[in-house]
Protein backbone atom coordinates (compact mmCIF):
# COMPACT_ATOMS: atom_id res chain seq x y z
CA MET A 1 -92.00 123.28 106.05
CA SER A 2 -90.99 123.49 109.69
CA PRO A 3 -90.29 120.24 111.59
CA THR A 4 -93.31 120.79 113.85
CA ALA A 5 -95.60 120.95 110.84
CA LYS A 6 -94.38 117.81 109.09
CA ALA A 7 -95.78 114.28 109.12
CA ARG A 8 -99.35 113.42 108.28
CA ARG A 9 -101.64 115.65 106.27
CA ALA A 10 -105.35 116.45 106.47
CA VAL A 11 -107.95 117.95 104.17
CA THR A 12 -109.78 121.10 105.31
CA HIS A 13 -113.36 122.05 104.45
CA SER A 14 -112.20 124.04 101.42
CA GLY A 15 -110.41 121.00 100.03
CA HIS A 16 -106.89 122.23 100.79
CA THR A 17 -104.43 119.61 101.98
CA VAL A 18 -102.54 120.83 105.03
CA PRO A 19 -99.98 119.35 107.40
CA THR A 20 -101.18 118.31 110.83
CA ARG A 21 -99.23 118.04 114.03
CA ARG A 22 -98.69 114.69 115.64
CA SER A 23 -100.43 113.77 118.86
CA GLY A 24 -98.87 114.66 122.15
CA GLY A 25 -100.48 118.04 122.79
CA HIS A 26 -100.97 119.61 126.19
CA ASP A 27 -103.43 118.04 128.58
CA ASP A 28 -106.43 120.27 129.17
CA GLY A 29 -107.07 119.09 132.70
CA HIS A 30 -109.96 116.83 131.73
CA GLY A 31 -108.07 113.80 130.55
CA THR A 32 -107.77 114.83 126.88
CA ALA A 33 -104.81 116.18 125.01
CA ALA A 34 -105.29 119.44 123.19
CA GLY A 35 -103.76 119.59 119.76
CA THR A 36 -104.21 115.88 118.95
CA ASP A 37 -105.84 114.75 115.74
CA GLY A 38 -109.59 115.39 115.72
CA ASP A 39 -109.59 117.90 118.57
CA PRO A 40 -110.69 121.42 117.60
CA VAL A 41 -108.14 124.18 117.97
CA VAL A 42 -110.96 126.61 118.83
CA ALA A 43 -114.38 125.58 120.13
CA LEU A 44 -117.26 127.85 121.13
CA ARG A 45 -120.61 126.53 122.30
CA GLY A 46 -123.47 128.92 123.01
CA ALA A 47 -120.92 131.66 123.70
CA SER A 48 -121.91 135.26 124.35
CA VAL A 49 -120.04 138.40 125.35
CA ARG A 50 -121.05 141.61 127.09
CA VAL A 51 -119.15 144.90 127.04
CA GLY A 52 -120.30 147.90 129.07
CA GLY A 53 -123.53 146.18 129.98
CA ARG A 54 -124.42 145.53 126.34
CA THR A 55 -124.49 142.09 124.72
CA LEU A 56 -122.45 142.25 121.51
CA TRP A 57 -123.16 138.71 120.36
CA SER A 58 -124.68 135.57 121.80
CA GLY A 59 -125.36 131.96 120.97
CA VAL A 60 -122.17 131.54 118.94
CA ASP A 61 -121.22 127.96 118.06
CA LEU A 62 -117.92 127.39 116.31
CA ARG A 63 -115.34 124.65 115.79
CA ILE A 64 -112.02 125.37 114.05
CA GLY A 65 -109.74 122.48 113.18
CA ALA A 66 -105.97 122.30 112.79
CA GLY A 67 -104.68 124.15 109.74
CA GLU A 68 -108.00 125.89 108.98
CA PHE A 69 -108.25 129.52 107.85
CA THR A 70 -111.24 131.29 109.41
CA ALA A 71 -112.39 134.86 108.76
CA VAL A 72 -114.41 136.94 111.24
CA LEU A 73 -116.63 139.30 109.25
CA GLY A 74 -119.35 141.85 109.90
CA PRO A 75 -119.99 145.60 110.13
CA ASN A 76 -118.19 147.92 112.52
CA GLY A 77 -119.07 147.70 116.19
CA VAL A 78 -120.46 144.15 116.25
CA GLY A 79 -117.62 142.64 118.28
CA LYS A 80 -115.21 141.13 115.73
CA SER A 81 -112.09 142.25 117.60
CA THR A 82 -113.86 141.39 120.84
CA LEU A 83 -113.99 137.76 119.69
CA ILE A 84 -110.20 137.82 119.36
CA ARG A 85 -109.95 139.22 122.90
CA VAL A 86 -112.14 136.39 124.18
CA LEU A 87 -109.92 133.79 122.50
CA LEU A 88 -106.85 135.43 124.04
CA GLY A 89 -108.42 135.32 127.50
CA ALA A 90 -108.36 139.12 127.78
CA LEU A 91 -112.17 139.23 128.11
CA PRO A 92 -114.30 136.48 129.64
CA ALA A 93 -117.33 135.11 127.87
CA ALA A 94 -120.57 136.10 129.58
CA ALA A 95 -122.17 132.73 128.87
CA GLY A 96 -121.47 129.48 127.10
CA GLU A 97 -118.21 127.60 126.73
CA VAL A 98 -114.97 128.67 125.03
CA ARG A 99 -111.97 126.38 124.59
CA VAL A 100 -108.71 127.31 122.89
CA LEU A 101 -106.19 124.55 122.17
CA GLY A 102 -108.10 122.34 124.59
CA ALA A 103 -107.87 124.75 127.51
CA ARG A 104 -109.66 127.77 128.88
CA PRO A 105 -108.75 131.02 127.09
CA GLY A 106 -105.52 132.50 128.39
CA GLN A 107 -104.00 129.17 129.46
CA ALA A 108 -102.24 128.34 126.18
CA GLY A 109 -100.77 131.73 125.35
CA ASP A 110 -97.34 130.32 124.54
CA ARG A 111 -98.91 128.36 121.67
CA ILE A 112 -100.69 131.37 120.14
CA GLY A 113 -99.34 134.03 117.80
CA TYR A 114 -101.16 137.37 117.89
CA LEU A 115 -101.06 140.37 115.57
CA PRO A 116 -103.14 143.29 116.95
CA GLN A 117 -104.73 145.98 114.84
CA ARG A 118 -102.24 147.71 112.63
CA ARG A 119 -99.93 150.15 114.33
CA SER A 120 -97.84 152.64 112.38
CA PHE A 121 -94.12 153.14 112.91
CA ASP A 122 -92.58 156.59 112.90
CA ALA A 123 -90.46 157.11 109.81
CA THR A 124 -87.50 158.08 112.02
CA LEU A 125 -87.60 154.86 114.06
CA ARG A 126 -84.20 153.20 113.66
CA ILE A 127 -84.92 149.73 115.07
CA ARG A 128 -84.41 147.16 112.33
CA GLY A 129 -87.06 144.83 111.01
CA ILE A 130 -85.07 141.81 112.16
CA ASP A 131 -85.05 143.22 115.71
CA VAL A 132 -88.83 143.62 115.62
CA VAL A 133 -89.14 139.97 114.60
CA ARG A 134 -86.77 138.87 117.37
CA MET A 135 -88.99 140.59 119.95
CA GLY A 136 -91.42 137.75 119.31
CA CYS A 137 -88.94 135.48 121.12
CA ASP A 138 -88.39 137.52 124.26
CA GLY A 139 -90.32 140.78 123.97
CA ASP A 140 -92.73 139.75 126.73
CA ARG A 141 -89.96 139.72 129.33
CA TRP A 142 -89.39 142.86 131.35
CA GLY A 143 -85.97 144.32 132.12
CA ILE A 144 -82.61 144.20 130.44
CA PRO A 145 -82.38 141.13 128.18
CA LEU A 146 -79.90 138.54 129.38
CA PRO A 147 -77.49 137.07 126.86
CA PHE A 148 -78.60 133.67 125.62
CA PRO A 149 -76.26 130.70 125.99
CA GLY A 150 -74.45 129.84 122.78
CA LEU A 151 -76.77 127.10 121.51
CA ARG A 152 -79.90 129.01 122.51
CA ARG A 153 -78.61 132.14 120.78
CA GLN A 154 -77.90 130.20 117.60
CA ALA A 155 -81.35 128.58 117.67
CA VAL A 156 -83.06 131.96 118.12
CA ARG A 157 -81.06 133.49 115.29
CA ALA A 158 -81.84 130.55 113.00
CA ARG A 159 -85.58 130.72 113.81
CA VAL A 160 -85.72 134.47 113.22
CA ASP A 161 -83.98 134.01 109.85
CA GLU A 162 -86.38 131.16 109.03
CA VAL A 163 -89.58 133.13 109.59
CA ILE A 164 -88.21 136.20 107.81
CA GLU A 165 -87.55 134.03 104.78
CA LEU A 166 -90.96 132.39 105.17
CA VAL A 167 -92.76 135.73 104.87
CA GLY A 168 -90.50 136.92 102.05
CA ALA A 169 -88.89 139.77 104.01
CA SER A 170 -85.20 138.88 103.71
CA ALA A 171 -84.46 141.75 101.32
CA TYR A 172 -85.45 144.47 103.82
CA ALA A 173 -85.22 142.80 107.25
CA HIS A 174 -82.08 144.79 108.12
CA ARG A 175 -83.66 148.07 107.09
CA PRO A 176 -85.03 150.39 109.83
CA ILE A 177 -88.69 149.47 110.34
CA GLY A 178 -89.75 153.09 109.89
CA GLN A 179 -88.34 153.08 106.37
CA CYS A 180 -90.29 149.99 105.30
CA SER A 181 -93.55 150.27 103.39
CA GLY A 182 -96.86 149.31 104.97
CA GLY A 183 -96.87 145.92 103.28
CA GLU A 184 -93.25 145.26 104.30
CA GLN A 185 -93.98 146.20 107.91
CA GLN A 186 -96.96 143.88 107.99
CA ARG A 187 -94.89 140.95 106.72
CA LEU A 188 -92.31 141.57 109.44
CA LEU A 189 -95.03 141.73 112.11
CA ILE A 190 -96.49 138.44 110.85
CA ALA A 191 -93.00 136.96 111.13
CA GLN A 192 -92.85 138.22 114.73
CA ALA A 193 -96.14 136.45 115.50
CA LEU A 194 -94.81 133.21 113.98
CA VAL A 195 -91.39 133.09 115.58
CA ARG A 196 -92.46 130.89 118.53
CA ARG A 197 -94.03 128.28 116.21
CA PRO A 198 -97.65 128.90 117.27
CA GLU A 199 -100.42 126.42 116.61
CA LEU A 200 -103.00 129.23 116.40
CA LEU A 201 -102.51 132.61 114.75
CA LEU A 202 -104.94 135.43 115.70
CA LEU A 203 -104.87 138.39 113.29
CA ASP A 204 -106.88 141.55 113.95
CA GLU A 205 -107.44 143.37 110.64
CA PRO A 206 -103.99 142.70 109.15
CA LEU A 207 -105.09 144.07 105.75
CA ASP A 208 -106.38 147.37 107.10
CA SER A 209 -104.81 150.48 105.52
CA LEU A 210 -102.97 148.43 102.87
CA ASP A 211 -103.49 149.14 99.19
CA LEU A 212 -105.16 146.47 97.04
CA PRO A 213 -101.94 144.85 95.72
CA ASN A 214 -100.54 144.55 99.24
CA GLN A 215 -103.87 143.24 100.54
CA SER A 216 -103.74 140.45 97.96
CA ALA A 217 -100.08 139.71 98.65
CA VAL A 218 -100.46 139.57 102.44
CA ALA A 219 -103.66 137.49 102.14
CA ALA A 220 -101.84 134.98 99.92
CA LEU A 221 -98.96 134.91 102.40
CA ILE A 222 -101.27 134.13 105.32
CA GLY A 223 -103.01 131.42 103.30
CA ARG A 224 -99.65 129.85 102.39
CA ILE A 225 -98.48 129.89 106.02
CA CYS A 226 -101.72 128.25 107.07
CA ARG A 227 -101.22 125.41 104.56
CA GLN A 228 -97.47 124.92 104.78
CA GLU A 229 -97.03 125.31 108.53
CA GLY A 230 -100.29 123.69 109.63
CA VAL A 231 -101.18 126.77 111.67
CA SER A 232 -104.85 127.53 112.33
CA VAL A 233 -105.66 131.16 111.47
CA VAL A 234 -108.48 133.33 112.81
CA MET A 235 -108.48 136.68 111.04
CA VAL A 236 -110.71 139.72 111.47
CA ALA A 237 -111.43 141.37 108.12
CA HIS A 238 -113.63 144.09 106.66
CA ASP A 239 -113.39 142.88 103.08
CA VAL A 240 -113.67 139.15 102.44
CA ASN A 241 -112.62 139.32 98.80
CA PRO A 242 -108.80 139.34 99.19
CA ILE A 243 -108.96 136.20 101.36
CA LEU A 244 -112.06 134.50 99.91
CA HIS A 245 -110.21 131.80 97.98
CA HIS A 246 -108.04 130.92 100.98
CA LEU A 247 -110.86 130.46 103.49
CA ASP A 248 -112.16 127.26 105.05
CA ARG A 249 -114.65 128.87 107.42
CA VAL A 250 -116.44 132.15 108.13
CA VAL A 251 -117.85 133.68 111.31
CA TYR A 252 -120.28 136.45 110.34
CA LEU A 253 -121.41 138.71 113.20
CA ALA A 254 -124.37 141.08 112.97
CA ARG A 255 -127.26 142.33 115.11
CA GLY A 256 -126.11 140.38 118.17
CA GLY A 257 -126.06 137.04 116.38
CA ALA A 258 -123.69 135.00 114.29
CA ALA A 259 -123.64 132.69 111.31
CA THR A 260 -120.81 130.18 111.00
CA GLY A 261 -119.86 127.74 108.29
CA THR A 262 -118.05 127.60 105.00
CA PRO A 263 -118.03 130.78 102.85
CA GLY A 264 -120.53 129.16 100.50
CA GLU A 265 -122.88 128.46 103.39
CA VAL A 266 -122.64 131.83 105.14
CA ILE A 267 -122.12 134.52 102.49
CA THR A 268 -125.46 133.99 100.79
CA SER A 269 -128.56 136.11 100.38
CA GLY A 270 -130.64 133.76 102.53
CA THR A 271 -128.20 133.48 105.42
CA LEU A 272 -127.42 137.20 105.64
CA THR A 273 -131.10 138.12 105.28
CA ARG A 274 -131.88 135.94 108.30
CA LEU A 275 -128.92 137.32 110.23
CA TYR A 276 -129.69 141.00 109.58
CA GLY A 277 -133.46 140.60 109.74
CA THR A 278 -133.83 142.63 106.55
CA PRO A 279 -133.54 141.76 102.84
CA VAL A 280 -129.89 141.35 101.82
CA GLU A 281 -128.66 140.30 98.40
CA VAL A 282 -125.24 138.81 97.71
CA LEU A 283 -124.02 139.40 94.18
CA ARG A 284 -120.96 138.04 92.43
CA THR A 285 -119.21 140.26 89.91
CA SER A 286 -117.69 139.06 86.66
CA ASP A 287 -114.25 138.89 88.28
CA GLY A 288 -115.53 136.74 91.16
CA ARG A 289 -115.77 139.45 93.85
CA LEU A 290 -118.70 139.42 96.24
CA VAL A 291 -120.90 142.48 96.77
CA VAL A 292 -123.48 142.63 99.57
CA VAL A 293 -126.46 144.90 98.92
CA GLY A 294 -128.90 145.57 101.75
CA GLN A 295 -132.31 147.21 101.72
CA PRO A 296 -133.57 149.76 102.51
CA GLU A 297 -130.16 151.09 103.55
CA PRO A 298 -127.63 149.76 101.10
CA PRO A 299 -124.45 148.35 102.43
CA ALA A 300 -124.10 150.59 105.43
CA VAL A 301 -124.01 147.12 106.96
CA HIS A 302 -120.69 146.62 105.25
CA ALA A 303 -119.40 150.12 104.62
CA ASP A 304 -115.71 150.30 105.41
CA ARG A 305 -114.84 152.97 107.94
CA HIS A 306 -112.71 154.65 105.26
CA ASP A 307 -115.59 154.73 102.77
CA THR A 308 -118.62 156.96 102.49
CA PRO A 309 -122.09 155.40 102.14
CA GLY A 310 -123.03 154.62 98.60
CA SER A 311 -125.18 152.36 96.52
CA GLY A 312 -122.93 149.34 96.84
CA HIS A 313 -119.66 148.12 98.33
CA ASP A 314 -117.59 144.99 98.18
CA ALA A 315 -118.58 142.44 100.79
CA ARG A 316 -116.98 143.62 104.03
């Protein structure tokens, strides 16, 4: 456990015990300190967003506490990734209030780790995985990198080694990134997002294009980081099943609205029927996976972009 994540511990909505950071967070300009005990890491109240003159979602209320793992779910095109952009400050909310780490979006960027939608690396790319991780320290600075002073250089090297070990990538971190598998690349990119010790980790479809074993492994890794490091996680996902047992909270977007709460509160037949405005049934298979079946058009509401419409899909 990193020093910043030690000390007292708290219990999340799912019952997980997670470390919490001590008080002394940044002042938000209104006399309160963001990041102190009891303050939400993310807070939306009556929030809405418009893109190209069209309202994607509205009336969204959400509070995410320290060390909580939240999934953003829903069909394609409803604004899941747009929510991440709003939290980053890249897109303003059209209405309502949005606070991130006690400040307006975009004002606490140095305390946020961000992993955008999966990008592929050319197989001939020679840059090493460890160099990709190190870019998380100084990759936002333009120009020729200046040599760090001795102590600073040692601290950076130690932190890079620490996060590589945390994500389980030590065995291949010195391999060219283009020669790493999809799951290995994703672990290294998560390490890059963690290297500055963020309090909030925003992940945009980190399981996309991974096979099922790697989806499960990366989901377990993110859940472990959330618990051990006390980092709040907001993750966009198409399929809830790989992360279901790690979740504290769900934001489900559909038809311009949203349902928020624990997985047991949101991923139900009644809640999704109200959200979609059409009969929806949530089924649980013998192995515990959730399947959402809609009528009269079965799970086109949840069809993965890589799938073809059928009579039923896993909840996505």
